[in-house]
Amino acid sequence: MTKPIEPDIAPFDAVDYLDTPEVMAEFLAACLEDENPEVFIAVLSTVARAKGMTEVAKKSGLGRESLYKALSPGAHPRHETVRKIVAALDLKLTVAV
């Protein structure tokens, strides 16, 4: 019996679709509907990767290693750190009715 041929399928990575600030903002806004704060950090990490971690680290004033650590699974970054990262992405957090 021969083994079936499986197509080469690249794993999905949202980074490939985050190509404008508007799309990045919508992605972050949508994740805020989830009650789990780790979802926001995971999405923030994805958006930072799409923008370029080196650029985000430089603009946020964080070291690159510190940025990766703050956005790693299970991390609990301070509000100040999150604000710096969001600002470095040229985005802002807002609350609306």
C-alpha atoms as a PDB file:
ATOM      1  CA  MET A   1       0.000   0.000   0.000  1.00  0.00           C
ATOM      2  CA  THR A   2       1.403   3.392  -0.970  1.00  0.00           C
ATOM      3  CA  LYS A   3       1.363   6.385   1.293  1.00  0.00           C
ATOM      4  CA  PRO A   4      -0.973   9.143   0.058  1.00  0.00           C
ATOM      5  CA  ILE A   5       0.730  12.316  -1.091  1.00  0.00           C
ATOM      6  CA  GLU A   6      -0.053  15.241   1.173  1.00  0.00           C
ATOM      7  CA  PRO A   7       0.185  18.759  -0.207  1.00  0.00           C
ATOM      8  CA  ASP A   8       2.686  21.117   1.357  1.00  0.00           C
ATOM      9  CA  ILE A   9       0.544  23.499   3.343  1.00  0.00           C
ATOM     10  CA  ALA A  10       2.164  26.278   5.279  1.00  0.00           C
ATOM     11  CA  PRO A  11       0.801  26.822   8.766  1.00  0.00           C
ATOM     12  CA  PHE A  12      -1.525  29.811   9.155  1.00  0.00           C
ATOM     13  CA  ASP A  13       0.137  32.946  10.491  1.00  0.00           C
ATOM     14  CA  ALA A  14      -1.994  36.072  10.938  1.00  0.00           C
ATOM     15  CA  VAL A  15       1.161  38.160  10.400  1.00  0.00           C
ATOM     16  CA  ASP A  16       0.788  37.485   6.678  1.00  0.00           C
ATOM     17  CA  TYR A  17      -2.508  39.425   6.657  1.00  0.00           C
ATOM     18  CA  LEU A  18      -1.667  42.343   8.941  1.00  0.00           C
ATOM     19  CA  ASP A  19      -0.502  44.667   6.213  1.00  0.00           C
ATOM     20  CA  THR A  20      -2.081  48.004   7.183  1.00  0.00           C
ATOM     21  CA  PRO A  21      -2.513  49.938  10.436  1.00  0.00           C
ATOM     22  CA  GLU A  22      -6.288  49.672   9.983  1.00  0.00           C
ATOM     23  CA  VAL A  23      -6.194  45.877   9.817  1.00  0.00           C
ATOM     24  CA  MET A  24      -3.873  45.748  12.828  1.00  0.00           C
ATOM     25  CA  ALA A  25      -6.234  48.002  14.810  1.00  0.00           C
ATOM     26  CA  GLU A  26      -9.265  45.892  13.893  1.00  0.00           C
ATOM     27  CA  PHE A  27      -7.467  42.701  14.915  1.00  0.00           C
ATOM     28  CA  LEU A  28      -6.557  44.183  18.305  1.00  0.00           C
ATOM     29  CA  ALA A  29     -10.057  45.612  18.808  1.00  0.00           C
ATOM     30  CA  ALA A  30     -11.665  42.258  18.035  1.00  0.00           C
ATOM     31  CA  CYS A  31      -9.476  40.421  20.528  1.00  0.00           C
ATOM     32  CA  LEU A  32     -10.563  42.770  23.314  1.00  0.00           C
ATOM     33  CA  GLU A  33     -13.965  41.062  23.191  1.00  0.00           C
ATOM     34  CA  ASP A  34     -12.340  37.970  24.699  1.00  0.00           C
ATOM     35  CA  GLU A  35     -12.294  37.982  28.505  1.00  0.00           C
ATOM     36  CA  ASN A  36      -8.958  36.178  28.630  1.00  0.00           C
ATOM     37  CA  PRO A  37      -6.192  38.825  28.916  1.00  0.00           C
ATOM     38  CA  GLU A  38      -3.682  36.389  27.403  1.00  0.00           C
ATOM     39  CA  VAL A  39      -5.547  36.672  24.097  1.00  0.00           C
ATOM     40  CA  PHE A  40      -4.790  40.394  23.964  1.00  0.00           C
ATOM     41  CA  ILE A  41      -1.096  39.810  24.691  1.00  0.00           C
ATOM     42  CA  ALA A  42      -0.929  37.082  22.024  1.00  0.00           C
ATOM     43  CA  VAL A  43      -2.560  39.352  19.440  1.00  0.00           C
ATOM     44  CA  LEU A  44      -0.360  42.277  20.463  1.00  0.00           C
ATOM     45  CA  SER A  45       2.637  40.010  19.901  1.00  0.00           C
ATOM     46  CA  THR A  46       1.350  39.027  16.468  1.00  0.00           C
ATOM     47  CA  VAL A  47       0.804  42.657  15.488  1.00  0.00           C
ATOM     48  CA  ALA A  48       4.291  43.561  16.752  1.00  0.00           C
ATOM     49  CA  ARG A  49       5.784  40.763  14.641  1.00  0.00           C
ATOM     50  CA  ALA A  50       3.885  42.078  11.613  1.00  0.00           C
ATOM     51  CA  LYS A  51       5.251  45.578  12.209  1.00  0.00           C
ATOM     52  CA  GLY A  52       8.750  44.269  12.918  1.00  0.00           C
ATOM     53  CA  MET A  53       9.996  43.498  16.414  1.00  0.00           C
ATOM     54  CA  THR A  54      13.181  45.517  15.954  1.00  0.00           C
ATOM     55  CA  GLU A  55      11.224  48.607  14.909  1.00  0.00           C
ATOM     56  CA  VAL A  56       8.689  48.175  17.739  1.00  0.00           C
ATOM     57  CA  ALA A  57      11.471  47.709  20.303  1.00  0.00           C
ATOM     58  CA  LYS A  58      13.252  50.830  19.087  1.00  0.00           C
ATOM     59  CA  LYS A  59      10.110  53.004  18.985  1.00  0.00           C
ATOM     60  CA  SER A  60       8.854  51.756  22.367  1.00  0.00           C
ATOM     61  CA  GLY A  61      12.181  52.298  24.114  1.00  0.00           C
ATOM     62  CA  LEU A  62      12.227  48.656  25.195  1.00  0.00           C
ATOM     63  CA  GLY A  63      15.115  46.334  24.538  1.00  0.00           C
ATOM     64  CA  ARG A  64      14.322  43.708  21.956  1.00  0.00           C
ATOM     65  CA  GLU A  65      14.723  40.917  24.513  1.00  0.00           C
ATOM     66  CA  SER A  66      12.436  42.768  26.942  1.00  0.00           C
ATOM     67  CA  LEU A  67       9.838  43.150  24.208  1.00  0.00           C
ATOM     68  CA  TYR A  68       9.871  39.432  23.451  1.00  0.00           C
ATOM     69  CA  LYS A  69       9.639  38.667  27.174  1.00  0.00           C
ATOM     70  CA  ALA A  70       6.705  41.064  27.689  1.00  0.00           C
ATOM     71  CA  LEU A  71       4.802  39.482  24.798  1.00  0.00           C
ATOM     72  CA  SER A  72       5.589  35.852  25.551  1.00  0.00           C
ATOM     73  CA  PRO A  73       2.823  33.393  26.527  1.00  0.00           C
ATOM     74  CA  GLY A  74       2.028  33.662  30.203  1.00  0.00           C
ATOM     75  CA  ALA A  75       3.581  37.112  30.546  1.00  0.00           C
ATOM     76  CA  HIS A  76       1.820  39.781  32.550  1.00  0.00           C
ATOM     77  CA  PRO A  77       3.262  43.041  31.212  1.00  0.00           C
ATOM     78  CA  ARG A  78       2.643  46.253  33.090  1.00  0.00           C
ATOM     79  CA  HIS A  79       0.103  48.711  31.741  1.00  0.00           C
ATOM     80  CA  GLU A  80       2.940  51.149  31.015  1.00  0.00           C
ATOM     81  CA  THR A  81       4.682  48.524  28.868  1.00  0.00           C
ATOM     82  CA  VAL A  82       1.510  47.741  26.930  1.00  0.00           C
ATOM     83  CA  ARG A  83       0.944  51.456  26.288  1.00  0.00           C
ATOM     84  CA  LYS A  84       4.508  51.860  24.985  1.00  0.00           C
ATOM     85  CA  ILE A  85       4.087  48.900  22.644  1.00  0.00           C
ATOM     86  CA  VAL A  86       0.718  50.096  21.349  1.00  0.00           C
ATOM     87  CA  ALA A  87       2.131  53.585  20.757  1.00  0.00           C
ATOM     88  CA  ALA A  88       5.143  52.083  18.942  1.00  0.00           C
ATOM     89  CA  LEU A  89       2.656  50.360  16.641  1.00  0.00           C
ATOM     90  CA  ASP A  90       1.237  53.822  15.828  1.00  0.00           C
ATOM     91  CA  LEU A  91      -2.050  52.772  17.441  1.00  0.00           C
ATOM     92  CA  LYS A  92      -3.914  53.879  20.546  1.00  0.00           C
ATOM     93  CA  LEU A  93      -6.235  52.194  23.000  1.00  0.00           C
ATOM     94  CA  THR A  94      -9.632  53.823  23.372  1.00  0.00           C
ATOM     95  CA  VAL A  95     -12.894  53.140  25.168  1.00  0.00           C
ATOM     96  CA  ALA A  96     -16.203  53.795  23.496  1.00  0.00           C
ATOM     97  CA  VAL A  97     -19.875  53.473  24.355  1.00  0.00           C
END
